[in-house]
Amino acid sequence: MDFRTRIHIPEVDFKIDHTSKMMLFGSCFSENIGIRLQQSKFNVDVNPFGILYNPMSVSSSIRRLLDKTEFTESDLVIGNEMYHSFMHHGSFSDTDKDICLKNISDRFNKASDFIEKTDLLLITFGTAYVYRLNQSVEEARNDVVSNCHKFPADNFVRARLTVEEITEDWINLITVLKTVNPNLKLIFTVSPIRHWKDGAHENQISKSILHIAIDKLISNFIDDMYYFPAYEIMIDELRDYRFYEEDMNHPSSFAVDYIWKQFSKTYFTDITMTINKEWGQIMKAVNHKPLFPATSSYRNFLKKTVSNMNDFALKYPFLSCEQEINHVLSLLKSQDN
């Protein structure tokens, strides 16, 4: 007897391999999947504005990249002795204005070049709730902020997006994206992370709005849009608190790994799965922490690891192992000193 509900994931008419160019936007789930794509040597840009939670912030970020409107000092705000951008996650903030702006500009310039060439966008919506700037707050380009940066609550008005607001905005955006890149594919997900501060009932309403909005978008772009059921896998297949972190809201590393495997089975080619497995074994060796690093056996282990990476690079010349090879060579060199 099987004591869980299995989620059926429909077959798709395209596959992802290591030559695919991908961009990921959205909540922590995009970050989790993006990290695994990066670790597996995919050509991917993950959250160039940092983690974004609501559909409007994701949309605004993509539009800004397409417009190539660079950020200037006027886009920054000061709060709690830090410089911030209301369009960016707090990871871009800094006590130094120039460093903050450089962090933002470097990522923006890279992403604005990449988005026109990308083959696939993976978008994760986290919540339908947004925070809008009050009129009394310094004017910003978009009144929906991506992050409040711990500014006083009276600087914002909290609101819940409607299905119609989301779909109207995204139909327009996807139309623009398809004009720029006619072959672009989009995969949408709803984050399995629960926004418990919204309240149990409110969180469910929020997730429902996101699901309905995505469903309506797919019906408008049936040939180019897909839904991956990360939310359903977490809620139904992994229906147990042992699959959550201690906060009982975020999926555990095991749960993320499980969802990643389902994503891989759905979208990757067979050769891509093989490459990921081979590279994963190599990375276990690269990341190995020996108890006795000054031994000849560890030195031989490092030499064998370099040899394996060189063989891998010859077998798959479209993937670069230079950074990892140099890292292991530096470990070998440190043993000589």
C-alpha atoms as a PDB file:
ATOM      1  CA  MET A   1       0.000   0.000   0.000  1.00  0.00           C
ATOM      2  CA  ASP A   2       1.236   3.481  -0.910  1.00  0.00           C
ATOM      3  CA  PHE A   3       0.614   5.883   1.970  1.00  0.00           C
ATOM      4  CA  ARG A   4       0.839   9.107  -0.025  1.00  0.00           C
ATOM      5  CA  THR A   5      -0.794  10.878  -2.941  1.00  0.00           C
ATOM      6  CA  ARG A   6       1.340  10.839  -6.074  1.00  0.00           C
ATOM      7  CA  ILE A   7       1.273  13.982  -8.223  1.00  0.00           C
ATOM      8  CA  HIS A   8       1.011  13.316 -11.940  1.00  0.00           C
ATOM      9  CA  ILE A   9       3.179  15.681 -13.969  1.00  0.00           C
ATOM     10  CA  PRO A  10       2.178  15.839 -17.653  1.00  0.00           C
ATOM     11  CA  GLU A  11       4.754  15.244 -20.372  1.00  0.00           C
ATOM     12  CA  VAL A  12       6.129  18.402 -22.000  1.00  0.00           C
ATOM     13  CA  ASP A  13       6.977  18.989 -25.649  1.00  0.00           C
ATOM     14  CA  PHE A  14      10.448  20.409 -24.993  1.00  0.00           C
ATOM     15  CA  LYS A  15      13.487  19.455 -22.946  1.00  0.00           C
ATOM     16  CA  ILE A  16      16.255  21.304 -21.144  1.00  0.00           C
ATOM     17  CA  ASP A  17      19.934  20.511 -21.618  1.00  0.00           C
ATOM     18  CA  HIS A  18      23.227  22.176 -20.741  1.00  0.00           C
ATOM     19  CA  THR A  19      23.126  24.360 -23.844  1.00  0.00           C
ATOM     20  CA  SER A  20      19.806  25.920 -22.754  1.00  0.00           C
ATOM     21  CA  LYS A  21      19.911  29.495 -21.473  1.00  0.00           C
ATOM     22  CA  MET A  22      17.653  30.016 -18.469  1.00  0.00           C
ATOM     23  CA  MET A  23      16.605  32.826 -16.140  1.00  0.00           C
ATOM     24  CA  LEU A  24      14.815  32.345 -12.833  1.00  0.00           C
ATOM     25  CA  PHE A  25      12.756  34.964 -11.022  1.00  0.00           C
ATOM     26  CA  GLY A  26      10.707  34.846  -7.864  1.00  0.00           C
ATOM     27  CA  SER A  27      10.601  33.498  -4.350  1.00  0.00           C
ATOM     28  CA  CYS A  28      12.932  31.253  -2.380  1.00  0.00           C
ATOM     29  CA  PHE A  29      11.878  28.263  -4.476  1.00  0.00           C
ATOM     30  CA  SER A  30      13.411  29.877  -7.581  1.00  0.00           C
ATOM     31  CA  GLU A  31      16.551  30.413  -5.530  1.00  0.00           C
ATOM     32  CA  ASN A  32      16.611  26.764  -4.409  1.00  0.00           C
ATOM     33  CA  ILE A  33      16.156  25.360  -7.911  1.00  0.00           C
ATOM     34  CA  GLY A  34      18.499  27.986  -9.346  1.00  0.00           C
ATOM     35  CA  ILE A  35      21.311  26.985  -7.000  1.00  0.00           C
ATOM     36  CA  ARG A  36      20.966  23.361  -8.080  1.00  0.00           C
ATOM     37  CA  LEU A  37      21.010  24.397 -11.745  1.00  0.00           C
ATOM     38  CA  GLN A  38      24.179  26.416 -11.145  1.00  0.00           C
ATOM     39  CA  GLN A  39      25.801  23.558  -9.251  1.00  0.00           C
ATOM     40  CA  SER A  40      24.988  21.274 -12.176  1.00  0.00           C
ATOM     41  CA  LYS A  41      26.741  23.575 -14.663  1.00  0.00           C
ATOM     42  CA  PHE A  42      23.672  24.969 -16.450  1.00  0.00           C
ATOM     43  CA  ASN A  43      23.799  28.329 -18.209  1.00  0.00           C
ATOM     44  CA  VAL A  44      21.494  30.167 -15.816  1.00  0.00           C
ATOM     45  CA  ASP A  45      20.917  33.600 -14.271  1.00  0.00           C
ATOM     46  CA  VAL A  46      19.120  33.413 -10.932  1.00  0.00           C
ATOM     47  CA  ASN A  47      17.155  36.309  -9.426  1.00  0.00           C
ATOM     48  CA  PRO A  48      19.141  39.322 -10.666  1.00  0.00           C
ATOM     49  CA  PHE A  49      17.049  41.505  -8.311  1.00  0.00           C
ATOM     50  CA  GLY A  50      17.266  39.032  -5.453  1.00  0.00           C
ATOM     51  CA  ILE A  51      14.369  37.044  -4.043  1.00  0.00           C
ATOM     52  CA  LEU A  52      10.998  38.482  -5.139  1.00  0.00           C
ATOM     53  CA  TYR A  53       7.700  37.355  -3.692  1.00  0.00           C
ATOM     54  CA  ASN A  54       4.761  38.842  -5.592  1.00  0.00           C
ATOM     55  CA  PRO A  55       3.857  38.769  -9.314  1.00  0.00           C
ATOM     56  CA  MET A  56       3.991  42.568  -9.745  1.00  0.00           C
ATOM     57  CA  SER A  57       7.554  42.832  -8.452  1.00  0.00           C
ATOM     58  CA  VAL A  58       8.683  40.036 -10.753  1.00  0.00           C
ATOM     59  CA  SER A  59       6.949  41.692 -13.687  1.00  0.00           C
ATOM     60  CA  SER A  60       8.448  45.111 -12.930  1.00  0.00           C
ATOM     61  CA  SER A  61      11.925  43.617 -12.711  1.00  0.00           C
ATOM     62  CA  ILE A  62      11.642  41.882 -16.076  1.00  0.00           C
ATOM     63  CA  ARG A  63      10.240  45.024 -17.711  1.00  0.00           C
ATOM     64  CA  ARG A  64      13.136  47.067 -16.359  1.00  0.00           C
ATOM     65  CA  LEU A  65      15.617  44.591 -17.829  1.00  0.00           C
ATOM     66  CA  LEU A  66      13.890  44.727 -21.207  1.00  0.00           C
ATOM     67  CA  ASP A  67      13.843  48.534 -21.134  1.00  0.00           C
ATOM     68  CA  LYS A  68      17.532  48.562 -20.105  1.00  0.00           C
ATOM     69  CA  THR A  69      16.832  51.504 -17.804  1.00  0.00           C
ATOM     70  CA  GLU A  70      19.893  51.466 -15.577  1.00  0.00           C
ATOM     71  CA  PHE A  71      19.712  52.299 -11.898  1.00  0.00           C
ATOM     72  CA  THR A  72      21.023  55.604 -10.599  1.00  0.00           C
ATOM     73  CA  GLU A  73      21.448  57.249  -7.223  1.00  0.00           C
ATOM     74  CA  SER A  74      17.887  58.543  -7.469  1.00  0.00           C
ATOM     75  CA  ASP A  75      16.620  54.947  -7.261  1.00  0.00           C
ATOM     76  CA  LEU A  76      18.139  54.487  -3.811  1.00  0.00           C
ATOM     77  CA  VAL A  77      16.530  55.210  -0.451  1.00  0.00           C
ATOM     78  CA  ILE A  78      18.119  55.511   2.976  1.00  0.00           C
ATOM     79  CA  GLY A  79      16.814  53.630   5.982  1.00  0.00           C
ATOM     80  CA  ASN A  80      18.370  52.207   9.132  1.00  0.00           C
ATOM     81  CA  GLU A  81      21.751  53.670   8.095  1.00  0.00           C
ATOM     82  CA  MET A  82      21.696  51.632   4.889  1.00  0.00           C
ATOM     83  CA  TYR A  83      21.141  52.371   1.208  1.00  0.00           C
ATOM     84  CA  HIS A  84      18.421  50.279  -0.417  1.00  0.00           C
ATOM     85  CA  SER A  85      16.428  49.884  -3.597  1.00  0.00           C
ATOM     86  CA  PHE A  86      12.714  49.183  -3.241  1.00  0.00           C
ATOM     87  CA  MET A  87      13.007  46.976  -6.349  1.00  0.00           C
ATOM     88  CA  HIS A  88      15.703  44.770  -4.831  1.00  0.00           C
ATOM     89  CA  HIS A  89      16.170  42.266  -2.064  1.00  0.00           C
ATOM     90  CA  GLY A  90      18.129  43.353   1.009  1.00  0.00           C
ATOM     91  CA  SER A  91      21.168  41.388  -0.184  1.00  0.00           C
ATOM     92  CA  PHE A  92      21.919  44.363  -2.471  1.00  0.00           C
ATOM     93  CA  SER A  93      21.788  46.929   0.351  1.00  0.00           C
ATOM     94  CA  ASP A  94      24.906  48.464   1.845  1.00  0.00           C
ATOM     95  CA  THR A  95      26.068  51.207   4.193  1.00  0.00           C
ATOM     96  CA  ASP A  96      28.059  52.630   1.280  1.00  0.00           C
ATOM     97  CA  LYS A  97      25.934  54.230  -1.439  1.00  0.00           C
ATOM     98  CA  ASP A  98      28.455  53.523  -4.209  1.00  0.00           C
ATOM     99  CA  ILE A  99      28.821  49.864  -3.255  1.00  0.00           C
ATOM    100  CA  CYS A 100      25.044  49.457  -3.155  1.00  0.00           C
ATOM    101  CA  LEU A 101      24.665  51.006  -6.599  1.00  0.00           C
ATOM    102  CA  LYS A 102      27.552  48.954  -7.999  1.00  0.00           C
ATOM    103  CA  ASN A 103      26.040  45.709  -6.671  1.00  0.00           C
ATOM    104  CA  ILE A 104      22.766  46.589  -8.361  1.00  0.00           C
ATOM    105  CA  SER A 105      24.306  47.802 -11.639  1.00  0.00           C
ATOM    106  CA  ASP A 106      26.661  44.862 -12.118  1.00  0.00           C
ATOM    107  CA  ARG A 107      23.855  42.327 -11.810  1.00  0.00           C
ATOM    108  CA  PHE A 108      21.483  44.457 -13.869  1.00  0.00           C
ATOM    109  CA  ASN A 109      23.871  44.875 -16.808  1.00  0.00           C
ATOM    110  CA  LYS A 110      24.616  41.154 -16.924  1.00  0.00           C
ATOM    111  CA  ALA A 111      20.937  40.189 -16.737  1.00  0.00           C
ATOM    112  CA  SER A 112      19.718  42.790 -19.237  1.00  0.00           C
ATOM    113  CA  ASP A 113      22.055  41.313 -21.858  1.00  0.00           C
ATOM    114  CA  PHE A 114      21.106  37.747 -20.971  1.00  0.00           C
ATOM    115  CA  ILE A 115      17.315  38.081 -20.968  1.00  0.00           C
ATOM    116  CA  GLU A 116      17.066  38.730 -24.706  1.00  0.00           C
ATOM    117  CA  LYS A 117      18.960  35.500 -25.439  1.00  0.00           C
ATOM    118  CA  THR A 118      17.366  33.224 -22.872  1.00  0.00           C
ATOM    119  CA  ASP A 119      15.465  30.132 -23.971  1.00  0.00           C
ATOM    120  CA  LEU A 120      13.472  29.639 -20.797  1.00  0.00           C
ATOM    121  CA  LEU A 121      12.066  31.690 -17.941  1.00  0.00           C
ATOM    122  CA  LEU A 122      11.160  29.919 -14.718  1.00  0.00           C
ATOM    123  CA  ILE A 123       8.855  32.123 -12.653  1.00  0.00           C
ATOM    124  CA  THR A 124       7.819  31.376  -9.073  1.00  0.00           C
ATOM    125  CA  PHE A 125       5.007  33.345  -7.462  1.00  0.00           C
ATOM    126  CA  GLY A 126       5.116  33.346  -3.667  1.00  0.00           C
ATOM    127  CA  THR A 127       2.242  35.526  -2.519  1.00  0.00           C
ATOM    128  CA  ALA A 128      -0.588  37.658  -3.891  1.00  0.00           C
ATOM    129  CA  TYR A 129      -0.071  40.233  -1.131  1.00  0.00           C
ATOM    130  CA  VAL A 130       1.842  43.387  -1.980  1.00  0.00           C
ATOM    131  CA  TYR A 131       3.017  46.523  -0.212  1.00  0.00           C
ATOM    132  CA  ARG A 132       2.447  49.807  -2.005  1.00  0.00           C
ATOM    133  CA  LEU A 133       4.273  53.007  -1.181  1.00  0.00           C
ATOM    134  CA  ASN A 134       2.221  55.782   0.373  1.00  0.00           C
ATOM    135  CA  GLN A 135       2.154  59.046  -1.518  1.00  0.00           C
ATOM    136  CA  SER A 136       4.072  60.694   1.304  1.00  0.00           C
ATOM    137  CA  VAL A 137       7.082  58.454   0.725  1.00  0.00           C
ATOM    138  CA  GLU A 138       9.816  59.518  -1.680  1.00  0.00           C
ATOM    139  CA  GLU A 139       8.632  58.912  -5.241  1.00  0.00           C
ATOM    140  CA  ALA A 140       9.707  55.590  -6.749  1.00  0.00           C
ATOM    141  CA  ARG A 141       9.366  54.097 -10.223  1.00  0.00           C
ATOM    142  CA  ASN A 142       6.894  51.484  -9.045  1.00  0.00           C
ATOM    143  CA  ASP A 143       4.578  51.922  -6.071  1.00  0.00           C
ATOM    144  CA  VAL A 144       4.648  48.159  -5.391  1.00  0.00           C
ATOM    145  CA  VAL A 145       7.856  47.463  -3.501  1.00  0.00           C
ATOM    146  CA  SER A 146       9.773  44.218  -3.730  1.00  0.00           C
ATOM    147  CA  ASN A 147      11.058  44.587  -0.175  1.00  0.00           C
ATOM    148  CA  CYS A 148      10.105  46.967   2.623  1.00  0.00           C
ATOM    149  CA  HIS A 149      13.640  46.911   4.089  1.00  0.00           C
ATOM    150  CA  LYS A 150      12.213  47.317   7.609  1.00  0.00           C
ATOM    151  CA  PHE A 151      10.957  50.839   6.901  1.00  0.00           C
ATOM    152  CA  PRO A 152       8.124  51.947   9.224  1.00  0.00           C
ATOM    153  CA  ALA A 153       4.839  50.208   8.425  1.00  0.00           C
ATOM    154  CA  ASP A 154       2.988  53.484   7.881  1.00  0.00           C
ATOM    155  CA  ASN A 155       5.123  54.054   4.759  1.00  0.00           C
ATOM    156  CA  PHE A 156       3.153  51.314   2.998  1.00  0.00           C
ATOM    157  CA  VAL A 157      -0.338  50.147   2.239  1.00  0.00           C
ATOM    158  CA  ARG A 158      -0.820  46.376   2.245  1.00  0.00           C
ATOM    159  CA  ALA A 159      -3.086  44.996  -0.477  1.00  0.00           C
ATOM    160  CA  ARG A 160      -3.998  41.699  -2.081  1.00  0.00           C
ATOM    161  CA  LEU A 161      -3.748  41.416  -5.847  1.00  0.00           C
ATOM    162  CA  THR A 162      -6.713  40.096  -7.778  1.00  0.00           C
ATOM    163  CA  VAL A 163      -6.580  37.415 -10.443  1.00  0.00           C
ATOM    164  CA  GLU A 164      -7.512  40.061 -13.011  1.00  0.00           C
ATOM    165  CA  GLU A 165      -4.678  42.397 -11.970  1.00  0.00           C
ATOM    166  CA  ILE A 166      -2.112  39.640 -12.257  1.00  0.00           C
ATOM    167  CA  THR A 167      -3.322  38.234 -15.567  1.00  0.00           C
ATOM    168  CA  GLU A 168      -3.706  41.626 -17.248  1.00  0.00           C
ATOM    169  CA  ASP A 169      -0.191  42.640 -16.256  1.00  0.00           C
ATOM    170  CA  TRP A 170       1.395  39.339 -17.266  1.00  0.00           C
ATOM    171  CA  ILE A 171      -0.469  38.934 -20.565  1.00  0.00           C
ATOM    172  CA  ASN A 172       0.977  42.270 -21.556  1.00  0.00           C
ATOM    173  CA  LEU A 173       4.460  41.322 -20.369  1.00  0.00           C
ATOM    174  CA  ILE A 174       4.501  37.900 -22.025  1.00  0.00           C
ATOM    175  CA  THR A 175       3.357  39.472 -25.289  1.00  0.00           C
ATOM    176  CA  VAL A 176       6.340  41.829 -25.095  1.00  0.00           C
ATOM    177  CA  LEU A 177       8.693  38.973 -24.218  1.00  0.00           C
ATOM    178  CA  LYS A 178       7.467  36.888 -27.146  1.00  0.00           C
ATOM    179  CA  THR A 179       7.983  39.837 -29.477  1.00  0.00           C
ATOM    180  CA  VAL A 180      11.590  40.144 -28.328  1.00  0.00           C
ATOM    181  CA  ASN A 181      12.159  36.375 -28.260  1.00  0.00           C
ATOM    182  CA  PRO A 182       9.528  34.382 -30.214  1.00  0.00           C
ATOM    183  CA  ASN A 183      10.937  30.990 -29.163  1.00  0.00           C
ATOM    184  CA  LEU A 184      10.863  31.737 -25.446  1.00  0.00           C
ATOM    185  CA  LYS A 185       9.298  29.132 -23.126  1.00  0.00           C
ATOM    186  CA  LEU A 186       7.959  29.927 -19.646  1.00  0.00           C
ATOM    187  CA  ILE A 187       7.529  27.594 -16.686  1.00  0.00           C
ATOM    188  CA  PHE A 188       5.430  28.892 -13.807  1.00  0.00           C
ATOM    189  CA  THR A 189       5.325  27.527 -10.290  1.00  0.00           C
ATOM    190  CA  VAL A 190       3.680  28.524  -7.030  1.00  0.00           C
ATOM    191  CA  SER A 191       6.058  28.509  -4.105  1.00  0.00           C
ATOM    192  CA  PRO A 192       5.374  25.750  -1.568  1.00  0.00           C
ATOM    193  CA  ILE A 193       6.652  28.069   1.171  1.00  0.00           C
ATOM    194  CA  ARG A 194       3.791  29.132   3.427  1.00  0.00           C
ATOM    195  CA  HIS A 195       3.463  32.836   4.243  1.00  0.00           C
ATOM    196  CA  TRP A 196       2.195  32.112   7.736  1.00  0.00           C
ATOM    197  CA  LYS A 197       2.415  35.741   8.874  1.00  0.00           C
ATOM    198  CA  ASP A 198      -0.487  36.422   6.519  1.00  0.00           C
ATOM    199  CA  GLY A 199      -2.558  33.965   8.538  1.00  0.00           C
ATOM    200  CA  ALA A 200      -3.622  30.420   7.656  1.00  0.00           C
ATOM    201  CA  HIS A 201      -6.783  31.394   5.774  1.00  0.00           C
ATOM    202  CA  GLU A 202      -5.189  34.389   4.062  1.00  0.00           C
ATOM    203  CA  ASN A 203      -2.253  32.278   2.930  1.00  0.00           C
ATOM    204  CA  GLN A 204      -4.628  29.807   1.281  1.00  0.00           C
ATOM    205  CA  ILE A 205      -6.543  32.593  -0.458  1.00  0.00           C
ATOM    206  CA  SER A 206      -3.268  34.081  -1.670  1.00  0.00           C
ATOM    207  CA  LYS A 207      -2.008  30.789  -3.090  1.00  0.00           C
ATOM    208  CA  SER A 208      -5.392  30.170  -4.737  1.00  0.00           C
ATOM    209  CA  ILE A 209      -5.245  33.542  -6.502  1.00  0.00           C
ATOM    210  CA  LEU A 210      -1.782  32.686  -7.820  1.00  0.00           C
ATOM    211  CA  HIS A 211      -2.934  29.286  -9.072  1.00  0.00           C
ATOM    212  CA  ILE A 212      -5.962  30.700 -10.890  1.00  0.00           C
ATOM    213  CA  ALA A 213      -3.926  33.532 -12.420  1.00  0.00           C
ATOM    214  CA  ILE A 214      -1.320  31.096 -13.751  1.00  0.00           C
ATOM    215  CA  ASP A 215      -4.029  28.847 -15.143  1.00  0.00           C
ATOM    216  CA  LYS A 216      -5.565  31.781 -17.015  1.00  0.00           C
ATOM    217  CA  LEU A 217      -2.162  32.800 -18.370  1.00  0.00           C
ATOM    218  CA  ILE A 218      -1.484  29.294 -19.645  1.00  0.00           C
ATOM    219  CA  SER A 219      -4.834  29.290 -21.457  1.00  0.00           C
ATOM    220  CA  ASN A 220      -3.704  32.449 -23.283  1.00  0.00           C
ATOM    221  CA  PHE A 221      -0.262  31.080 -24.188  1.00  0.00           C
ATOM    222  CA  ILE A 222      -0.987  27.374 -24.438  1.00  0.00           C
ATOM    223  CA  ASP A 223       1.994  26.569 -26.698  1.00  0.00           C
ATOM    224  CA  ASP A 224       4.661  28.352 -24.698  1.00  0.00           C
ATOM    225  CA  MET A 225       3.664  28.225 -21.030  1.00  0.00           C
ATOM    226  CA  TYR A 226       3.844  25.343 -18.584  1.00  0.00           C
ATOM    227  CA  TYR A 227       3.047  24.732 -14.941  1.00  0.00           C
ATOM    228  CA  PHE A 228       5.284  22.709 -12.643  1.00  0.00           C
ATOM    229  CA  PRO A 229       3.438  21.525  -9.509  1.00  0.00           C
ATOM    230  CA  ALA A 230       6.062  22.267  -6.840  1.00  0.00           C
ATOM    231  CA  TYR A 231       3.311  23.447  -4.485  1.00  0.00           C
ATOM    232  CA  GLU A 232       1.248  20.296  -4.960  1.00  0.00           C
ATOM    233  CA  ILE A 233       4.251  18.001  -4.525  1.00  0.00           C
ATOM    234  CA  MET A 234       5.062  19.660  -1.204  1.00  0.00           C
ATOM    235  CA  ILE A 235       1.472  19.781   0.066  1.00  0.00           C
ATOM    236  CA  ASP A 236       0.354  16.325  -1.086  1.00  0.00           C
ATOM    237  CA  GLU A 237       3.289  14.008  -1.785  1.00  0.00           C
ATOM    238  CA  LEU A 238       5.315  15.341   1.157  1.00  0.00           C
ATOM    239  CA  ARG A 239       2.376  15.824   3.507  1.00  0.00           C
ATOM    240  CA  ASP A 240       4.297  15.694   6.776  1.00  0.00           C
ATOM    241  CA  TYR A 241       6.038  18.253   8.982  1.00  0.00           C
ATOM    242  CA  ARG A 242       9.239  16.188   8.885  1.00  0.00           C
ATOM    243  CA  PHE A 243       9.698  17.581   5.359  1.00  0.00           C
ATOM    244  CA  TYR A 244       9.755  21.177   6.653  1.00  0.00           C
ATOM    245  CA  GLU A 245      12.456  23.221   8.320  1.00  0.00           C
ATOM    246  CA  GLU A 246      12.121  24.096  12.010  1.00  0.00           C
ATOM    247  CA  ASP A 247       9.952  27.122  11.184  1.00  0.00           C
ATOM    248  CA  MET A 248       7.362  24.693   9.717  1.00  0.00           C
ATOM    249  CA  ASN A 249       7.003  26.951   6.672  1.00  0.00           C
ATOM    250  CA  HIS A 250      10.064  26.346   4.483  1.00  0.00           C
ATOM    251  CA  PRO A 251      10.705  22.971   2.812  1.00  0.00           C
ATOM    252  CA  SER A 252      13.622  21.009   4.240  1.00  0.00           C
ATOM    253  CA  SER A 253      16.707  20.278   2.148  1.00  0.00           C
ATOM    254  CA  PHE A 254      15.336  16.752   1.616  1.00  0.00           C
ATOM    255  CA  ALA A 255      12.058  18.185   0.292  1.00  0.00           C
ATOM    256  CA  VAL A 256      13.855  20.572  -2.060  1.00  0.00           C
ATOM    257  CA  ASP A 257      16.016  17.703  -3.317  1.00  0.00           C
ATOM    258  CA  TYR A 258      12.888  15.601  -3.908  1.00  0.00           C
ATOM    259  CA  ILE A 259      11.170  18.400  -5.863  1.00  0.00           C
ATOM    260  CA  TRP A 260      14.401  18.969  -7.817  1.00  0.00           C
ATOM    261  CA  LYS A 261      14.398  15.290  -8.839  1.00  0.00           C
ATOM    262  CA  GLN A 262      10.797  15.578 -10.074  1.00  0.00           C
ATOM    263  CA  PHE A 263      11.724  18.729 -11.987  1.00  0.00           C
ATOM    264  CA  SER A 264      14.707  16.927 -13.517  1.00  0.00           C
ATOM    265  CA  LYS A 265      12.625  13.934 -14.625  1.00  0.00           C
ATOM    266  CA  THR A 266      10.097  16.260 -16.234  1.00  0.00           C
ATOM    267  CA  TYR A 267      12.331  18.658 -18.140  1.00  0.00           C
ATOM    268  CA  PHE A 268      15.816  17.193 -18.623  1.00  0.00           C
ATOM    269  CA  THR A 269      17.004  15.009 -21.469  1.00  0.00           C
ATOM    270  CA  ASP A 270      18.482  11.604 -20.636  1.00  0.00           C
ATOM    271  CA  ILE A 271      22.013  12.764 -21.429  1.00  0.00           C
ATOM    272  CA  THR A 272      21.469  15.797 -19.218  1.00  0.00           C
ATOM    273  CA  MET A 273      20.499  13.530 -16.326  1.00  0.00           C
ATOM    274  CA  THR A 274      23.648  11.465 -16.942  1.00  0.00           C
ATOM    275  CA  ILE A 275      25.856  14.571 -16.968  1.00  0.00           C
ATOM    276  CA  ASN A 276      24.288  15.805 -13.738  1.00  0.00           C
ATOM    277  CA  LYS A 277      24.947  12.464 -12.054  1.00  0.00           C
ATOM    278  CA  GLU A 278      28.581  12.331 -13.196  1.00  0.00           C
ATOM    279  CA  TRP A 279      29.239  15.933 -12.179  1.00  0.00           C
ATOM    280  CA  GLY A 280      27.515  15.417  -8.845  1.00  0.00           C
ATOM    281  CA  GLN A 281      29.932  12.581  -8.030  1.00  0.00           C
ATOM    282  CA  ILE A 282      32.887  14.787  -8.939  1.00  0.00           C
ATOM    283  CA  MET A 283      31.608  17.634  -6.774  1.00  0.00           C
ATOM    284  CA  LYS A 284      31.332  15.294  -3.794  1.00  0.00           C
ATOM    285  CA  ALA A 285      35.063  14.689  -4.193  1.00  0.00           C
ATOM    286  CA  VAL A 286      35.821  18.400  -4.670  1.00  0.00           C
ATOM    287  CA  ASN A 287      33.908  19.297  -1.503  1.00  0.00           C
ATOM    288  CA  HIS A 288      35.330  16.428   0.565  1.00  0.00           C
ATOM    289  CA  LYS A 289      36.805  17.557   3.906  1.00  0.00           C
ATOM    290  CA  PRO A 290      39.497  15.095   5.028  1.00  0.00           C
ATOM    291  CA  LEU A 291      40.282  14.377   8.653  1.00  0.00           C
ATOM    292  CA  PHE A 292      43.998  14.273   7.823  1.00  0.00           C
ATOM    293  CA  PRO A 293      44.746  16.621   4.907  1.00  0.00           C
ATOM    294  CA  ALA A 294      48.534  16.358   5.240  1.00  0.00           C
ATOM    295  CA  THR A 295      48.639  12.692   4.193  1.00  0.00           C
ATOM    296  CA  SER A 296      49.870  11.205   0.921  1.00  0.00           C
ATOM    297  CA  SER A 297      46.555   9.381   0.507  1.00  0.00           C
ATOM    298  CA  TYR A 298      44.692  12.703   0.445  1.00  0.00           C
ATOM    299  CA  ARG A 299      47.207  14.076  -2.030  1.00  0.00           C
ATOM    300  CA  ASN A 300      46.569  11.090  -4.306  1.00  0.00           C
ATOM    301  CA  PHE A 301      42.832  11.640  -3.836  1.00  0.00           C
ATOM    302  CA  LEU A 302      43.208  15.250  -5.048  1.00  0.00           C
ATOM    303  CA  LYS A 303      45.259  14.159  -8.070  1.00  0.00           C
ATOM    304  CA  LYS A 304      42.610  11.587  -8.952  1.00  0.00           C
ATOM    305  CA  THR A 305      39.905  14.257  -8.628  1.00  0.00           C
ATOM    306  CA  VAL A 306      41.769  16.582 -11.022  1.00  0.00           C
ATOM    307  CA  SER A 307      42.172  13.684 -13.453  1.00  0.00           C
ATOM    308  CA  ASN A 308      38.440  12.931 -13.271  1.00  0.00           C
ATOM    309  CA  MET A 309      37.581  16.570 -13.945  1.00  0.00           C
ATOM    310  CA  ASN A 310      39.920  16.689 -16.941  1.00  0.00           C
ATOM    311  CA  ASP A 311      38.272  13.554 -18.326  1.00  0.00           C
ATOM    312  CA  PHE A 312      34.855  15.103 -17.730  1.00  0.00           C
ATOM    313  CA  ALA A 313      35.894  18.301 -19.552  1.00  0.00           C
ATOM    314  CA  LEU A 314      37.113  16.280 -22.541  1.00  0.00           C
ATOM    315  CA  LYS A 315      33.916  14.246 -22.604  1.00  0.00           C
ATOM    316  CA  TYR A 316      31.690  17.330 -22.345  1.00  0.00           C
ATOM    317  CA  PRO A 317      33.673  20.214 -23.913  1.00  0.00           C
ATOM    318  CA  PHE A 318      30.685  22.566 -23.747  1.00  0.00           C
ATOM    319  CA  LEU A 319      31.019  22.651 -19.944  1.00  0.00           C
ATOM    320  CA  SER A 320      33.817  24.479 -18.160  1.00  0.00           C
ATOM    321  CA  CYS A 321      35.492  22.883 -15.125  1.00  0.00           C
ATOM    322  CA  GLU A 322      38.318  25.420 -14.959  1.00  0.00           C
ATOM    323  CA  GLN A 323      37.231  26.990 -11.665  1.00  0.00           C
ATOM    324  CA  GLU A 324      36.913  23.648  -9.874  1.00  0.00           C
ATOM    325  CA  ILE A 325      40.162  22.308 -11.333  1.00  0.00           C
ATOM    326  CA  ASN A 326      42.020  25.427 -10.206  1.00  0.00           C
ATOM    327  CA  HIS A 327      40.508  25.047  -6.734  1.00  0.00           C
ATOM    328  CA  VAL A 328      41.770  21.477  -6.345  1.00  0.00           C
ATOM    329  CA  LEU A 329      45.166  22.413  -7.816  1.00  0.00           C
ATOM    330  CA  SER A 330      45.434  25.140  -5.187  1.00  0.00           C
ATOM    331  CA  LEU A 331      44.808  22.519  -2.508  1.00  0.00           C
ATOM    332  CA  LEU A 332      47.615  20.428  -3.966  1.00  0.00           C
ATOM    333  CA  LYS A 333      49.915  23.436  -4.055  1.00  0.00           C
ATOM    334  CA  SER A 334      49.170  24.231  -0.418  1.00  0.00           C
ATOM    335  CA  GLN A 335      50.414  20.758   0.506  1.00  0.00           C
ATOM    336  CA  ASP A 336      53.783  21.549  -1.111  1.00  0.00           C
ATOM    337  CA  ASN A 337      54.253  24.688   1.003  1.00  0.00           C
END
